[in-house]
Each structure stands twice: as structure tokens, then as C-alpha cells.
Amino acid sequence: PPPLLSCRSHRLKIGLLLMAGLAVCVCMRTNLNMAVVCMVNTTAYRALLSDTPREVGKEEREGQCSRIEEDGTAKGYNGTLEWTPQMQGSLLTATFYGSIITIAFSGSIADRFGPKRIFAGGCIIYVIVTMATPLLAQHSFNVYFASRVVMGLAEGFTVPCIGSMAGRWFPPAERSTMAGIYTSGNQLGAASSSVISAALCGSPLGWPSIFYLFGALGVIWIISWLVLASNSPSSNRFITESELKFLDSEIRRKEKSKSIPWRHLLQSKPMYACLCCQFAYNFSASLLQAFLPTYFRDELYIPLSMNGIYTTIPFAVQIFMKTFCSFIADTLRKKGILEPTMSAKLFQTICSVGIAISLVSLAFLPSCDRPWIAAICLFCYGIFYSFGIPGYFTALMSIAPQYSGTLTSLTMFAATIANIISPSLASLLMTLKMPYIWKMVFTITGVVNLIGGGIFLLYGDAKVQEWARLDKKTPSAVIAEEKKHSSSEEEKSEQIQVEFSCGSEKSI
């Protein structure tokens, strides 16, 4: 068969298509985060809220720095839509309300009817809502909000369809590598969306061009996907005979399906530790994706030309660091320096503590005359965020490998709840004009990550749980066998850990 990283490898092309599809979907979902700062007439909504107390410290900060309206950097910030901060926050979280509806059954639908057309259908909904945004946003806020919820319904199918395609196309020995490739679509989408949207906001084309461009990219991807992809290697017309035989022999080596041990699963402390980390992980990620452009505009007075670059920093860093961190963790385990659980706890602790320090620093250190400090804080955040992959995420894929689909659904639910709460909290504080809004928001997010990391340090585990073993025996037989073959069991656990160490990511 052709090597994985070969131009003749069709499974590599499928992986690249998955990466591009994820990137395009992320772009169409997150482009509003940057576009909203140049769509909204900030002067108008400030007038609407003029009877509310001004944020403590605002006058002092405005005295130290020139207002962006005065020094000419407001180009692109002169929108026409009169949306309050609460309305903006509602739009930024609307997709999550939709995804939480479809997330429970999307995986089974993809498995039953095939992920190819389900994924394409979801992307078509993305494209329709995206290209209709300029009309809907100027026509009716409520109608546009409803369209974003519909986009969220399609979003609930994205990750399960990608996971279903990965299980059908990538053999176990290559899944870690391919997961690193196709999940990078998250970072590529978030990073490119910020830079391109900021550039188009300040261009003569204006903010509507953002949605037309990304909608057109979505159409191009849909056509490519429908032509080149298939639900399985056996139904693909472009794959070579040798590659088809290879994939057929490797992927068909599946264990006999077993019923899900719900009682043991729902009583598993390591599982809940992973859920807490996933919640904290998405709590910070969704906040930064949704509100970094607004923070840079309202708090640091960064011009639009630089806003997109600053917003891109944490996501661009993750593209490289998540693979590097996973490689370091795998190397330490292979050499016997760290056993799986110790490795996961070490990397997750670094992740949680590092994120907390970075966010608290972002809350208190930068100012409008020292915005470069924010860039350093976000760079560090991107580094520490990547440590979560060999941390809780590897543990999640290791504690019950044969039930990883069920675990993924549970963590996706926790992630979606965090995606709703975090931006909603920020928009609520902005609406109430609370004192030192951003200090409160970033500090709370840092504390959430510390709590998640602390729970994982106490209850986390990265070894296959007894209730999840494929070769389940009676307790006495298991104890006797473990005493007799302790070294081989440790080797097997380590092998499973390596195989799943870079498993498919949802939120990064």
C-alpha cells in the first residue's frame, strides 16, 4: 500500500479534506466574533446605556490613552447596527443552543446513514446561513438569531461525522497521526478567520464581504468533498487496489461489540475528572474566541488592523504546540520515565495552572499604552493550552478505549454547556456595566481552570479501567492474572496509551 504521507495515499487526502471541512465550518461559525466589532455602532449602544453607571476606572484609562475615535484608528469600527452587548453575546452563543439539541443523536445518525452526506448537508446549512447574514442581520435581530441557532443544529453533526469518517478510513496505527492533521482544522479556522475578517472589515468591501467569502469557500469544499470522499474505502472510486486491501484488512479487525456499562461509567471518578477538565478547557476557549476582538477594541483600544493579528496568537501557537507536547509525552512514556497516569496528571497540571496564570496576567497586566503585554499573555496561554492534549484528553481516550465514542459524547455535552455559560457570563457583565469587567471575566475563567486541574490531579487516571477491559474475568481471576503477568499488563496499557495519545480533539 502507499505510505500514509504520500501523494498516492487517498486516506491522506480524506484526512486533508476533513481538516479543510473543519476549518471552513469553524471559519463560518467564528467569523462573527471579529465581524461584530465593525458591524455594531458602539456609540449608539453606549447612548442606549447612558443611564447606567460607567465602569470604574474607565475615565482614568481614557485619560491615559487617546480614544481610538480621535487618533484615526477607528477605521472599520464604524458600524451601523444598534446591538447592545447583551444582544451581541446572544448571537455569539446562539450556535451552541442549536448544537446541544443535536449532539445526543448525531453520532448514531452518522453511523447509520453514512457521514459523507450528513457532513455535506450540515456544511450546506452553514453556507446558507453565512451568505444570508448581511441581509438577515440588517433586517431583523430575532430572525438572525434564529438562523444562528439553525447553524448550531448543523454544528452538532460536525464532530461525530468527522469521528465516524476517521473510524472508517484510518487504521489504528495511523489514527494518532491523522488526528493531529484533521483536528488542526480548529486552529486553522479560528486563526485565519480572525486575520481575514479584520482585513475585510477595514477594506472598502466592508463587513458583508466576510460572510460572502467564507460562504464561497464552503461551497468549494462541499463540491470537493462530494467528489473525492466516500463513506468507506470500498465505495471509493479513486483509491488504489493495494490501499483498499490494506485498509480492509486493518480496519476490519474490530472487537466484538459489547453493551455499554452505564452503571460503571457513571460511577467512574476518572471519567468525571476528564469532564471537569473538558468543561474548563472550553470555558476559556469559547470566551477567547467570542470576546477577544471586543476586549482589544474596548479595553486596549487596539486598531482594527492589529486586532485580527492579536486575536490569532493563541490559536496559531496551538497548531504547533499540541503536536510537540504530545510527542514529548509519548517519548517520556516510551522510555519509561513516566507511567501513563503520572504523565497525564503532570501535563494537565501544567495546562491548568499555566492557563490560570496566563489569564490572570491578561486581566491585570496589559493596558492601552502597553498592549504588547496582552500578546505575550496570549502566546503563553496557547502554549499551556496545548498541554491538555497529553493531559486529560489522552486520559479520556485511555480509560475505556472501546467506549471512547460514548465518552466523547459525554464530554461534548460538557463542552457545549461551557460554550454557553462562558460567553453568556461575559455579555451579562458587560450589560450590567460591572466594575472592571474584563478583570472579573478572565480571573473567573482562570479559577475555573484551576478547579478542573485540581479535580483531575485528585481523581484522574490514564489506564484502562477494570470495568472497561475487553478480556473481563472474575475479580479473583483478574487479580491472579495481574500478579502473574504484571509486566505484560503494564506494557499493554502503555501501548493503548500511545495509540490514543493524540486522539481527535473537539475543542482545540
Protein backbone atom coordinates (compact mmCIF):
# COMPACT_ATOMS: atom_id res chain seq x y z
CA PRO A 1 0.00 0.00 0.00
CA PRO A 2 1.16 3.61 -0.49
CA PRO A 3 2.68 5.19 2.64
CA LEU A 4 0.40 7.45 4.64
CA LEU A 5 2.34 10.62 3.83
CA SER A 6 2.36 10.01 0.09
CA CYS A 7 0.63 11.80 -2.79
CA ARG A 8 -0.79 8.40 -3.80
CA SER A 9 -2.38 7.89 -0.37
CA HIS A 10 -6.11 8.53 -0.67
CA ARG A 11 -6.61 8.17 3.08
CA LEU A 12 -4.28 11.19 3.46
CA LYS A 13 -6.50 13.11 1.05
CA ILE A 14 -9.52 12.17 3.15
CA GLY A 15 -7.70 13.47 6.24
CA LEU A 16 -6.86 16.74 4.50
CA LEU A 17 -10.47 17.08 3.35
CA LEU A 18 -11.63 16.57 6.94
CA MET A 19 -9.15 19.22 8.09
CA ALA A 20 -10.35 21.66 5.42
CA GLY A 21 -14.00 20.93 6.20
CA LEU A 22 -13.49 21.52 9.91
CA ALA A 23 -11.54 24.72 9.18
CA VAL A 24 -14.25 26.05 6.87
CA CYS A 25 -17.01 25.27 9.38
CA VAL A 26 -15.06 26.94 12.19
CA CYS A 27 -14.49 29.98 9.96
CA MET A 28 -18.19 30.29 9.17
CA ARG A 29 -19.11 29.93 12.85
CA THR A 30 -16.47 32.25 14.33
CA ASN A 31 -16.20 34.98 11.68
CA LEU A 32 -18.97 36.84 13.52
CA ASN A 33 -16.66 37.16 16.54
CA MET A 34 -14.44 39.57 14.62
CA ALA A 35 -17.09 40.96 12.27
CA VAL A 36 -19.33 42.12 15.11
CA VAL A 37 -16.79 44.73 16.22
CA CYS A 38 -17.18 46.52 12.87
CA MET A 39 -20.89 45.76 12.38
CA VAL A 40 -22.05 47.47 15.58
CA ASN A 41 -22.45 51.20 16.16
CA THR A 42 -20.78 51.33 19.57
CA THR A 43 -21.68 54.99 20.05
CA ALA A 44 -25.35 54.15 19.65
CA TYR A 45 -25.46 51.35 22.20
CA ARG A 46 -23.42 53.43 24.66
CA ALA A 47 -26.12 56.08 24.34
CA LEU A 48 -28.78 53.47 24.99
CA LEU A 49 -26.98 52.52 28.21
CA SER A 50 -26.11 56.07 29.24
CA ASP A 51 -28.31 55.85 32.33
CA THR A 52 -26.20 53.02 33.73
CA PRO A 53 -23.10 53.74 35.84
CA ARG A 54 -19.83 53.92 33.95
CA GLU A 55 -17.30 51.22 34.54
CA VAL A 56 -14.98 52.04 37.42
CA GLY A 57 -11.59 53.08 36.09
CA LYS A 58 -12.90 53.91 32.61
CA GLU A 59 -12.34 57.65 32.93
CA GLU A 60 -8.79 57.14 34.19
CA ARG A 61 -7.97 54.78 31.35
CA GLU A 62 -9.40 57.14 28.73
CA GLY A 63 -7.30 59.94 30.19
CA GLN A 64 -4.11 57.94 29.79
CA CYS A 65 -4.73 56.83 26.20
CA SER A 66 -6.07 58.57 23.14
CA ARG A 67 -9.51 57.35 22.21
CA ILE A 68 -9.48 55.32 19.04
CA GLU A 69 -12.02 57.69 17.51
CA GLU A 70 -9.60 60.60 18.00
CA ASP A 71 -6.36 59.12 16.69
CA GLY A 72 -7.82 57.76 13.45
CA THR A 73 -7.60 54.07 14.28
CA ALA A 74 -11.37 53.64 14.31
CA LYS A 75 -11.43 52.76 10.63
CA GLY A 76 -13.62 49.69 10.33
CA TYR A 77 -15.19 50.15 13.78
CA ASN A 78 -17.89 52.50 12.43
CA GLY A 79 -20.76 50.02 12.13
CA THR A 80 -24.45 50.81 11.75
CA LEU A 81 -26.21 48.06 13.72
CA GLU A 82 -27.53 49.11 17.13
CA TRP A 83 -26.88 45.94 19.10
CA THR A 84 -26.29 46.10 22.85
CA PRO A 85 -23.53 43.96 24.42
CA GLN A 86 -26.20 41.53 25.62
CA MET A 87 -27.55 41.16 22.07
CA GLN A 88 -24.03 40.59 20.76
CA GLY A 89 -23.38 37.94 23.39
CA SER A 90 -26.64 36.20 22.49
CA LEU A 91 -25.59 35.97 18.85
CA LEU A 92 -22.16 34.61 19.73
CA THR A 93 -23.68 31.81 21.83
CA ALA A 94 -26.67 31.06 19.58
CA THR A 95 -24.94 28.22 17.72
CA PHE A 96 -24.30 26.40 20.99
CA TYR A 97 -28.03 26.36 21.78
CA GLY A 98 -28.57 24.56 18.49
CA SER A 99 -25.73 22.08 18.86
CA ILE A 100 -26.84 20.96 22.31
CA ILE A 101 -30.09 19.73 20.71
CA THR A 102 -28.50 17.53 18.04
CA ILE A 103 -25.41 16.43 19.94
CA ALA A 104 -27.17 13.50 21.65
CA PHE A 105 -28.18 11.62 18.49
CA SER A 106 -25.89 12.99 15.77
CA GLY A 107 -23.32 10.22 16.17
CA SER A 108 -25.82 7.40 15.73
CA ILE A 109 -27.31 9.11 12.65
CA ALA A 110 -23.86 9.47 11.08
CA ASP A 111 -23.09 5.81 11.77
CA ARG A 112 -26.43 4.63 10.40
CA PHE A 113 -26.79 6.73 7.25
CA GLY A 114 -23.13 7.42 6.49
CA PRO A 115 -21.10 10.50 7.50
CA LYS A 116 -20.36 11.74 3.96
CA ARG A 117 -23.75 13.19 3.07
CA ILE A 118 -24.58 14.14 6.67
CA PHE A 119 -21.39 16.21 6.90
CA ALA A 120 -22.06 17.79 3.49
CA GLY A 121 -25.65 18.57 4.46
CA GLY A 122 -24.50 20.26 7.65
CA CYS A 123 -21.99 22.35 5.73
CA ILE A 124 -24.72 23.40 3.27
CA ILE A 125 -26.68 24.80 6.22
CA TYR A 126 -23.53 26.64 7.35
CA VAL A 127 -23.17 28.17 3.87
CA ILE A 128 -26.81 29.26 3.59
CA VAL A 129 -26.81 30.98 6.99
CA THR A 130 -23.40 32.57 6.39
CA MET A 131 -24.23 34.03 2.98
CA ALA A 132 -27.63 35.23 4.20
CA THR A 133 -26.08 37.02 7.20
CA PRO A 134 -25.74 40.52 5.64
CA LEU A 135 -29.44 40.51 4.73
CA LEU A 136 -30.72 38.91 7.94
CA ALA A 137 -28.56 40.99 10.30
CA GLN A 138 -29.82 44.26 8.83
CA HIS A 139 -33.41 43.08 8.54
CA SER A 140 -34.18 41.62 11.98
CA PHE A 141 -32.11 40.72 15.02
CA ASN A 142 -34.53 37.96 16.05
CA VAL A 143 -34.52 36.36 12.61
CA TYR A 144 -30.73 36.44 12.50
CA PHE A 145 -30.54 34.93 16.00
CA ALA A 146 -32.83 32.09 14.86
CA SER A 147 -30.61 31.46 11.83
CA ARG A 148 -27.56 31.15 14.10
CA VAL A 149 -29.43 28.55 16.17
CA VAL A 150 -30.12 26.62 12.96
CA MET A 151 -26.40 26.78 12.18
CA GLY A 152 -25.82 25.26 15.61
CA LEU A 153 -28.10 22.35 14.75
CA ALA A 154 -25.72 21.57 11.88
CA GLU A 155 -22.70 22.10 14.12
CA GLY A 156 -23.86 19.26 16.35
CA PHE A 157 -23.19 16.84 13.48
CA THR A 158 -19.69 18.09 12.59
CA VAL A 159 -17.50 16.31 15.16
CA PRO A 160 -19.46 12.99 15.13
CA CYS A 161 -19.28 12.87 11.32
CA ILE A 162 -15.55 13.51 11.39
CA GLY A 163 -15.10 10.82 14.04
CA SER A 164 -17.18 8.37 12.04
CA MET A 165 -15.13 9.03 8.89
CA ALA A 166 -11.89 8.60 10.85
CA GLY A 167 -13.02 5.23 12.18
CA ARG A 168 -13.88 4.03 8.66
CA TRP A 169 -10.78 5.32 6.88
CA PHE A 170 -7.80 5.34 9.26
CA PRO A 171 -6.29 2.12 10.69
CA PRO A 172 -5.43 2.12 14.41
CA ALA A 173 -1.70 2.52 13.84
CA GLU A 174 -2.27 5.77 11.91
CA ARG A 175 -5.10 7.35 13.87
CA SER A 176 -2.90 9.45 16.14
CA THR A 177 -1.06 10.98 13.19
CA MET A 178 -4.25 11.59 11.23
CA ALA A 179 -6.00 13.03 14.28
CA GLY A 180 -3.18 15.56 14.58
CA ILE A 181 -3.76 16.51 10.94
CA TYR A 182 -7.53 16.80 10.72
CA THR A 183 -8.11 18.35 14.15
CA SER A 184 -5.71 21.18 13.29
CA GLY A 185 -8.63 22.49 11.25
CA ASN A 186 -9.91 24.00 14.51
CA GLN A 187 -6.86 26.21 14.92
CA LEU A 188 -6.51 26.95 11.21
CA GLY A 189 -10.13 28.05 11.06
CA ALA A 190 -10.01 30.23 14.17
CA ALA A 191 -6.69 31.84 13.21
CA SER A 192 -7.46 32.53 9.56
CA SER A 193 -10.97 33.75 10.35
CA SER A 194 -9.65 36.46 12.68
CA VAL A 195 -6.99 37.78 10.30
CA ILE A 196 -9.11 37.69 7.14
CA SER A 197 -12.19 39.15 8.84
CA ALA A 198 -10.21 42.04 10.31
CA ALA A 199 -8.69 42.82 6.90
CA LEU A 200 -12.07 42.78 5.16
CA CYS A 201 -13.67 44.88 7.91
CA GLY A 202 -11.27 47.71 7.17
CA SER A 203 -11.49 47.33 3.39
CA PRO A 204 -13.84 49.20 1.03
CA LEU A 205 -15.83 45.96 0.68
CA GLY A 206 -16.95 46.22 4.31
CA TRP A 207 -18.11 43.55 6.73
CA PRO A 208 -20.64 41.84 4.37
CA SER A 209 -17.70 40.60 2.27
CA ILE A 210 -16.57 38.46 5.23
CA PHE A 211 -19.64 36.27 5.03
CA TYR A 212 -19.70 36.08 1.24
CA LEU A 213 -16.05 34.98 1.12
CA PHE A 214 -16.34 32.23 3.74
CA GLY A 215 -19.64 31.09 2.26
CA ALA A 216 -17.95 30.71 -1.13
CA LEU A 217 -15.13 28.70 0.46
CA GLY A 218 -17.77 26.46 1.98
CA VAL A 219 -19.28 25.81 -1.46
CA ILE A 220 -15.86 24.90 -2.88
CA TRP A 221 -15.25 22.45 -0.02
CA ILE A 222 -18.69 20.82 -0.40
CA ILE A 223 -18.06 20.14 -4.10
CA SER A 224 -14.59 18.71 -3.39
CA TRP A 225 -15.96 16.57 -0.56
CA LEU A 226 -18.80 15.09 -2.60
CA VAL A 227 -16.45 14.24 -5.47
CA LEU A 228 -13.46 12.81 -3.57
CA ALA A 229 -14.91 11.38 -0.34
CA SER A 230 -16.91 8.24 0.36
CA ASN A 231 -18.36 6.58 3.44
CA SER A 232 -15.81 3.77 3.25
CA PRO A 233 -12.71 2.82 1.25
CA SER A 234 -14.60 0.04 -0.55
CA SER A 235 -17.05 2.54 -2.10
CA ASN A 236 -14.39 4.99 -3.27
CA ARG A 237 -13.55 5.12 -6.97
CA PHE A 238 -10.17 6.85 -6.59
CA ILE A 239 -8.44 4.51 -4.14
CA THR A 240 -5.86 2.04 -5.43
CA GLU A 241 -6.39 -1.70 -5.11
CA SER A 242 -3.39 -2.13 -2.81
CA GLU A 243 -4.53 0.62 -0.44
CA LEU A 244 -8.05 -0.78 -0.40
CA LYS A 245 -6.81 -4.24 0.60
CA PHE A 246 -4.59 -2.74 3.28
CA LEU A 247 -7.39 -0.68 4.83
CA ASP A 248 -9.88 -3.52 4.55
CA SER A 249 -7.59 -5.89 6.43
CA GLU A 250 -6.61 -3.36 9.11
CA ILE A 251 -9.91 -1.66 9.84
CA ARG A 252 -11.98 -4.85 9.86
CA ARG A 253 -10.01 -6.10 12.89
CA LYS A 254 -12.63 -4.93 15.33
CA GLU A 255 -13.53 -6.31 18.70
CA LYS A 256 -16.97 -7.78 19.20
CA SER A 257 -19.36 -5.02 20.19
CA LYS A 258 -20.47 -5.04 23.80
CA SER A 259 -23.21 -3.25 25.67
CA ILE A 260 -22.20 -0.02 27.36
CA PRO A 261 -21.66 -0.49 31.13
CA TRP A 262 -23.58 2.64 32.09
CA ARG A 263 -23.56 1.95 35.83
CA HIS A 264 -19.78 1.66 35.98
CA LEU A 265 -19.33 4.53 33.55
CA LEU A 266 -21.48 6.96 35.51
CA GLN A 267 -19.73 5.95 38.76
CA SER A 268 -16.24 6.44 37.33
CA LYS A 269 -14.27 9.19 39.09
CA PRO A 270 -11.64 9.37 36.31
CA MET A 271 -14.44 9.99 33.80
CA TYR A 272 -15.84 12.88 35.84
CA ALA A 273 -12.33 14.28 36.27
CA CYS A 274 -11.99 14.37 32.48
CA LEU A 275 -15.41 16.00 32.16
CA CYS A 276 -14.39 18.76 34.58
CA CYS A 277 -11.24 19.44 32.58
CA GLN A 278 -13.19 19.46 29.31
CA PHE A 279 -15.63 21.98 30.81
CA ALA A 280 -12.78 24.23 31.95
CA TYR A 281 -10.97 23.79 28.63
CA ASN A 282 -13.97 25.01 26.64
CA PHE A 283 -14.89 27.66 29.19
CA SER A 284 -11.68 29.52 28.38
CA ALA A 285 -11.56 28.66 24.67
CA SER A 286 -15.11 29.86 23.91
CA LEU A 287 -14.56 33.07 25.88
CA LEU A 288 -11.43 33.99 23.93
CA GLN A 289 -12.92 33.02 20.58
CA ALA A 290 -16.02 35.10 21.19
CA PHE A 291 -14.75 38.17 23.03
CA LEU A 292 -11.06 38.77 22.32
CA PRO A 293 -11.84 41.18 19.44
CA THR A 294 -14.24 43.12 21.68
CA TYR A 295 -11.70 43.17 24.53
CA PHE A 296 -9.00 44.56 22.26
CA ARG A 297 -11.36 47.21 20.89
CA ASP A 298 -13.00 48.40 24.11
CA GLU A 299 -10.27 47.81 26.70
CA LEU A 300 -6.93 48.21 24.93
CA TYR A 301 -8.09 50.44 22.04
CA ILE A 302 -6.17 48.33 19.53
CA PRO A 303 -6.75 49.42 15.91
CA LEU A 304 -8.67 47.05 13.70
CA SER A 305 -5.61 46.38 11.53
CA MET A 306 -3.90 44.80 14.56
CA ASN A 307 -6.98 43.34 16.23
CA GLY A 308 -7.06 40.30 13.95
CA ILE A 309 -3.36 39.59 14.48
CA TYR A 310 -3.63 39.79 18.28
CA THR A 311 -6.71 37.55 18.27
CA THR A 312 -4.92 34.95 16.15
CA ILE A 313 -1.95 34.50 18.51
CA PRO A 314 -3.27 31.80 20.91
CA PHE A 315 -4.76 29.69 18.12
CA ALA A 316 -1.69 29.89 15.86
CA VAL A 317 0.55 28.77 18.74
CA GLN A 318 -1.64 25.72 19.37
CA ILE A 319 -1.23 24.46 15.79
CA PHE A 320 2.40 23.60 16.52
CA MET A 321 2.46 23.15 20.28
CA LYS A 322 -0.20 20.46 20.63
CA THR A 323 1.78 18.09 18.39
CA PHE A 324 5.03 18.96 20.16
CA CYS A 325 3.56 18.37 23.64
CA SER A 326 2.07 15.03 22.59
CA PHE A 327 5.41 13.95 21.13
CA ILE A 328 7.24 14.83 24.37
CA ALA A 329 4.67 12.95 26.47
CA ASP A 330 4.84 9.86 24.24
CA THR A 331 8.64 9.90 24.37
CA LEU A 332 8.68 10.08 28.17
CA ARG A 333 6.29 7.14 28.39
CA LYS A 334 8.12 5.03 25.82
CA LYS A 335 11.39 5.47 27.72
CA GLY A 336 9.71 4.51 30.99
CA ILE A 337 10.40 7.89 32.59
CA LEU A 338 6.70 8.46 33.29
CA GLU A 339 3.90 5.94 33.59
CA PRO A 340 0.61 6.86 31.84
CA THR A 341 -1.33 8.27 34.80
CA MET A 342 1.60 10.27 36.13
CA SER A 343 2.24 11.68 32.66
CA ALA A 344 -1.39 12.74 32.19
CA LYS A 345 -1.55 14.37 35.64
CA LEU A 346 1.75 16.20 35.13
CA PHE A 347 0.82 17.63 31.75
CA GLN A 348 -2.72 18.50 32.85
CA THR A 349 -1.43 20.30 35.94
CA ILE A 350 0.92 22.34 33.77
CA CYS A 351 -2.01 23.06 31.46
CA SER A 352 -4.47 24.17 34.14
CA VAL A 353 -2.02 26.21 36.23
CA GLY A 354 -0.45 27.77 33.14
CA ILE A 355 -3.82 28.79 31.68
CA ALA A 356 -4.85 30.32 35.01
CA ILE A 357 -1.63 32.34 35.29
CA SER A 358 -1.88 33.49 31.68
CA LEU A 359 -5.49 34.63 32.02
CA VAL A 360 -4.98 36.42 35.34
CA SER A 361 -1.95 38.14 33.82
CA LEU A 362 -4.10 39.12 30.83
CA ALA A 363 -6.61 40.59 33.27
CA PHE A 364 -4.22 42.81 35.23
CA LEU A 365 -1.00 43.50 33.29
CA PRO A 366 -1.89 44.88 29.81
CA SER A 367 -3.10 48.43 29.32
CA CYS A 368 -3.95 50.63 26.36
CA ASP A 369 -0.40 52.04 26.36
CA ARG A 370 1.14 48.54 26.78
CA PRO A 371 -0.97 46.25 24.57
CA TRP A 372 2.07 44.12 23.69
CA ILE A 373 1.81 42.53 27.14
CA ALA A 374 -1.51 41.03 26.05
CA ALA A 375 0.26 39.39 23.11
CA ILE A 376 2.75 37.75 25.49
CA CYS A 377 -0.05 36.54 27.78
CA LEU A 378 -1.95 35.02 24.85
CA PHE A 379 1.21 33.40 23.50
CA CYS A 380 1.75 31.72 26.88
CA TYR A 381 -1.93 30.75 27.01
CA GLY A 382 -1.60 28.97 23.65
CA ILE A 383 1.43 27.04 24.90
CA PHE A 384 -0.17 25.92 28.17
CA TYR A 385 -3.50 25.13 26.48
CA SER A 386 -1.68 22.59 24.29
CA PHE A 387 -0.52 20.64 27.36
CA GLY A 388 -4.10 19.47 27.84
CA ILE A 389 -3.81 17.08 24.87
CA PRO A 390 -1.31 14.73 26.59
CA GLY A 391 -3.16 15.54 29.82
CA TYR A 392 -6.88 14.99 30.34
CA PHE A 393 -7.60 14.29 26.66
CA THR A 394 -5.19 11.37 26.49
CA ALA A 395 -6.65 10.05 29.75
CA LEU A 396 -10.14 10.31 28.29
CA MET A 397 -9.13 8.18 25.31
CA SER A 398 -7.33 5.66 27.55
CA ILE A 399 -9.65 4.83 30.45
CA ALA A 400 -12.15 2.97 28.22
CA PRO A 401 -10.91 2.77 24.61
CA GLN A 402 -13.78 0.61 23.34
CA TYR A 403 -16.31 3.08 24.74
CA SER A 404 -14.49 6.21 23.58
CA GLY A 405 -17.45 7.19 21.37
CA THR A 406 -19.75 7.31 24.39
CA LEU A 407 -17.16 9.19 26.43
CA THR A 408 -16.74 11.66 23.57
CA SER A 409 -20.49 12.33 23.51
CA LEU A 410 -20.48 12.99 27.26
CA THR A 411 -17.54 15.37 27.04
CA MET A 412 -19.09 17.13 24.03
CA PHE A 413 -22.15 17.79 26.17
CA ALA A 414 -19.98 19.24 28.96
CA ALA A 415 -18.09 21.31 26.38
CA THR A 416 -21.31 22.71 24.93
CA ILE A 417 -22.56 23.74 28.38
CA ALA A 418 -19.27 25.59 28.93
CA ASN A 419 -19.56 27.19 25.49
CA ILE A 420 -22.93 28.62 26.52
CA ILE A 421 -22.10 29.72 30.07
CA SER A 422 -18.77 31.46 29.42
CA PRO A 423 -19.79 33.96 26.70
CA SER A 424 -23.17 34.49 28.39
CA LEU A 425 -21.42 35.46 31.62
CA ALA A 426 -19.20 37.94 29.79
CA SER A 427 -22.11 39.54 27.93
CA LEU A 428 -24.14 39.76 31.16
CA LEU A 429 -21.33 41.58 32.98
CA MET A 430 -20.94 43.92 30.01
CA THR A 431 -24.66 44.69 30.01
CA LEU A 432 -24.69 45.37 33.76
CA LYS A 433 -21.62 47.61 33.38
CA MET A 434 -19.93 45.84 36.27
CA PRO A 435 -16.70 47.40 37.59
CA TYR A 436 -13.54 46.06 35.97
CA ILE A 437 -15.46 43.72 33.67
CA TRP A 438 -12.51 42.06 31.94
CA LYS A 439 -10.56 41.57 35.16
CA MET A 440 -13.54 39.70 36.57
CA VAL A 441 -14.12 37.63 33.43
CA PHE A 442 -10.51 36.49 32.96
CA THR A 443 -9.98 35.85 36.68
CA ILE A 444 -13.14 33.72 36.92
CA THR A 445 -12.02 31.74 33.87
CA GLY A 446 -8.60 31.18 35.41
CA VAL A 447 -10.16 29.90 38.64
CA VAL A 448 -12.40 27.50 36.67
CA ASN A 449 -9.30 26.00 35.05
CA LEU A 450 -7.55 25.67 38.42
CA ILE A 451 -10.55 23.80 39.83
CA GLY A 452 -10.67 21.47 36.83
CA GLY A 453 -6.95 20.75 37.10
CA GLY A 454 -7.21 20.13 40.84
CA ILE A 455 -10.02 17.61 40.39
CA PHE A 456 -8.01 15.77 37.74
CA LEU A 457 -4.95 15.73 39.98
CA LEU A 458 -7.01 14.01 42.68
CA TYR A 459 -9.16 11.62 40.66
CA GLY A 460 -7.66 11.43 37.17
CA ASP A 461 -6.39 8.18 35.68
CA ALA A 462 -4.92 7.21 32.30
CA LYS A 463 -5.08 3.42 32.47
CA VAL A 464 -7.80 1.15 31.17
CA GLN A 465 -10.39 0.82 33.92
CA GLU A 466 -11.26 -2.65 35.17
CA TRP A 467 -14.89 -2.36 34.07
CA ALA A 468 -13.76 -1.38 30.56
CA ARG A 469 -11.40 -4.27 29.85
CA LEU A 470 -12.22 -6.37 26.80
CA ASP A 471 -10.98 -9.56 28.47
CA LYS A 472 -13.12 -9.14 31.56
CA LYS A 473 -12.89 -12.01 34.04
CA THR A 474 -13.98 -12.64 37.58
CA PRO A 475 -12.30 -10.38 40.15
CA SER A 476 -10.23 -13.23 41.64
CA ALA A 477 -9.06 -14.34 38.21
CA VAL A 478 -8.10 -10.80 37.29
CA ILE A 479 -6.08 -10.36 40.49
CA ALA A 480 -4.28 -13.65 39.98
CA GLU A 481 -3.52 -12.86 36.36
CA GLU A 482 -2.29 -9.36 37.16
CA LYS A 483 0.10 -10.74 39.77
CA LYS A 484 1.39 -13.29 37.31
CA HIS A 485 1.69 -11.01 34.31
CA SER A 486 2.10 -7.56 35.85
CA SER A 487 4.87 -6.53 33.50
CA SER A 488 2.96 -7.52 30.36
CA GLU A 489 -0.17 -5.77 31.57
CA GLU A 490 1.80 -2.56 32.11
CA GLU A 491 3.20 -2.88 28.60
CA LYS A 492 -0.28 -3.35 27.14
CA SER A 493 -1.64 -0.32 28.98
CA GLU A 494 1.25 1.79 27.72
CA GLN A 495 0.64 0.61 24.16
CA ILE A 496 -3.01 1.63 24.36
CA GLN A 497 -1.99 4.99 25.81
CA VAL A 498 0.39 5.67 22.92
CA GLU A 499 -2.24 4.71 20.37
CA PHE A 500 -4.77 7.14 21.70
CA SER A 501 -2.40 9.87 22.92
CA CYS A 502 -3.30 12.32 20.15
CA GLY A 503 -6.91 11.30 19.66
CA SER A 504 -9.38 13.55 17.84
CA GLU A 505 -9.94 16.87 19.61
CA LYS A 506 -13.22 18.64 19.79
CA SER A 507 -12.45 21.98 21.26
CA ILE A 508 -8.91 22.77 20.01
